Amino acid sequence: MKRRAEHLVLKRDGRREFLRATKLARSIHLALHSVGVDEDWRALELANVVLMALREKKRLGGEDVAEMLTTTEISDAVQHVLVVTGQPTAAVSFGAVAAEAL
């Protein structure tokens, strides 16, 4: 796969890093695990849903899909998905994990 701008993430400190869905899934897994959910597949599914939704949101909003995602956008989207899927405690935990890992 070619590395493209749409696969870049703008970090909170201003650095740019290539997006690693597995790193996001790991952070989600840690948040879920902290509330007693130990299902790797669920973290991978949620990471995939979040990234697809963010790209679709940018496309429908008229923004350039190649525009970089920010860690704040990703974190907010993950927390929203966790709350919607019935894991509000994991959403709070993800906020703490994301502050360190993403």
Protein backbone atom coordinates (compact mmCIF):
# COMPACT_ATOMS: atom_id res chain seq x y z
CA MET A 1 0.00 0.00 0.00
CA LYS A 2 1.31 3.42 -0.90
CA ARG A 3 1.64 5.88 1.92
CA ARG A 4 -0.69 8.78 1.29
CA ALA A 5 -1.67 11.93 3.15
CA GLU A 6 -5.03 10.40 4.08
CA HIS A 7 -3.12 7.93 6.18
CA LEU A 8 -1.41 10.61 8.25
CA VAL A 9 -2.43 11.63 11.75
CA LEU A 10 -1.66 15.04 13.18
CA LYS A 11 -0.54 14.49 16.76
CA ARG A 12 -1.31 16.88 19.61
CA ASP A 13 2.30 18.03 19.72
CA GLY A 14 2.27 18.88 16.00
CA ARG A 15 4.08 15.79 14.74
CA ARG A 16 2.73 13.85 11.79
CA GLU A 17 2.68 10.09 11.93
CA PHE A 18 1.31 7.42 9.65
CA LEU A 19 -1.96 6.02 10.91
CA ARG A 20 -1.73 2.57 12.41
CA ALA A 21 -5.16 1.05 12.89
CA THR A 22 -3.61 -1.64 15.06
CA LYS A 23 -2.33 1.01 17.47
CA LEU A 24 -5.83 2.47 17.68
CA ALA A 25 -7.33 -1.00 18.18
CA ARG A 26 -4.82 -1.66 20.96
CA SER A 27 -5.88 1.52 22.77
CA ILE A 28 -9.55 0.55 22.40
CA HIS A 29 -8.75 -2.96 23.63
CA LEU A 30 -7.03 -1.57 26.73
CA ALA A 31 -10.07 0.60 27.49
CA LEU A 32 -12.46 -2.33 27.02
CA HIS A 33 -10.23 -4.64 29.04
CA SER A 34 -10.21 -2.16 31.92
CA VAL A 35 -13.99 -2.61 32.24
CA GLY A 36 -13.93 -6.39 31.88
CA VAL A 37 -14.47 -6.86 28.15
CA ASP A 38 -11.65 -9.02 26.79
CA GLU A 39 -12.55 -9.44 23.12
CA ASP A 40 -9.81 -8.55 20.64
CA TRP A 41 -12.18 -8.73 17.69
CA ARG A 42 -14.44 -6.06 19.22
CA ALA A 43 -11.56 -3.58 19.46
CA LEU A 44 -10.56 -4.24 15.84
CA GLU A 45 -14.15 -3.81 14.66
CA LEU A 46 -14.58 -0.55 16.57
CA ALA A 47 -11.29 0.84 15.22
CA ASN A 48 -12.38 0.00 11.69
CA VAL A 49 -15.82 1.57 12.17
CA VAL A 50 -14.32 4.75 13.64
CA LEU A 51 -11.82 5.24 10.82
CA MET A 52 -14.38 4.54 8.09
CA ALA A 53 -16.87 6.92 9.70
CA LEU A 54 -14.32 9.72 10.03
CA ARG A 55 -13.30 9.40 6.38
CA GLU A 56 -16.95 9.34 5.28
CA LYS A 57 -17.70 12.38 7.44
CA LYS A 58 -14.88 14.30 5.77
CA ARG A 59 -16.04 13.22 2.31
CA LEU A 60 -19.67 14.21 2.95
CA GLY A 61 -18.61 17.45 4.60
CA GLY A 62 -16.88 18.50 1.42
CA GLU A 63 -13.45 18.27 2.98
CA ASP A 64 -10.56 16.72 1.16
CA VAL A 65 -10.47 13.05 2.17
CA ALA A 66 -6.69 13.24 1.93
CA GLU A 67 -6.72 15.78 4.75
CA MET A 68 -5.07 14.45 7.88
CA LEU A 69 -7.06 13.20 10.82
CA THR A 70 -6.16 14.58 14.22
CA THR A 71 -5.76 12.56 17.38
CA THR A 72 -8.51 14.67 18.94
CA GLU A 73 -10.97 13.76 16.15
CA ILE A 74 -10.10 10.09 16.48
CA SER A 75 -10.38 10.13 20.28
CA ASP A 76 -13.75 11.90 20.23
CA ALA A 77 -15.09 9.46 17.64
CA VAL A 78 -13.93 6.42 19.62
CA GLN A 79 -15.47 7.75 22.81
CA HIS A 80 -18.75 8.42 20.98
CA VAL A 81 -18.82 4.90 19.52
CA LEU A 82 -18.06 3.34 22.90
CA VAL A 83 -20.91 5.27 24.53
CA VAL A 84 -23.33 4.40 21.72
CA THR A 85 -22.43 0.70 21.93
CA GLY A 86 -23.16 0.61 25.66
CA GLN A 87 -19.67 0.97 27.10
CA PRO A 88 -19.63 4.46 28.69
CA THR A 89 -17.12 3.38 31.35
CA ALA A 90 -14.78 2.18 28.61
CA ALA A 91 -15.20 5.57 26.90
CA VAL A 92 -13.92 7.32 30.02
CA SER A 93 -11.08 4.82 30.25
CA PHE A 94 -10.23 5.35 26.59
CA GLY A 95 -9.91 9.08 27.22
CA ALA A 96 -7.20 8.34 29.77
CA VAL A 97 -5.48 5.75 27.55
CA ALA A 98 -5.68 7.97 24.47
CA ALA A 99 -4.04 10.84 26.30
CA GLU A 100 -1.00 8.62 26.80
CA ALA A 101 -0.94 6.36 23.72
CA LEU A 102 -2.27 8.29 20.73
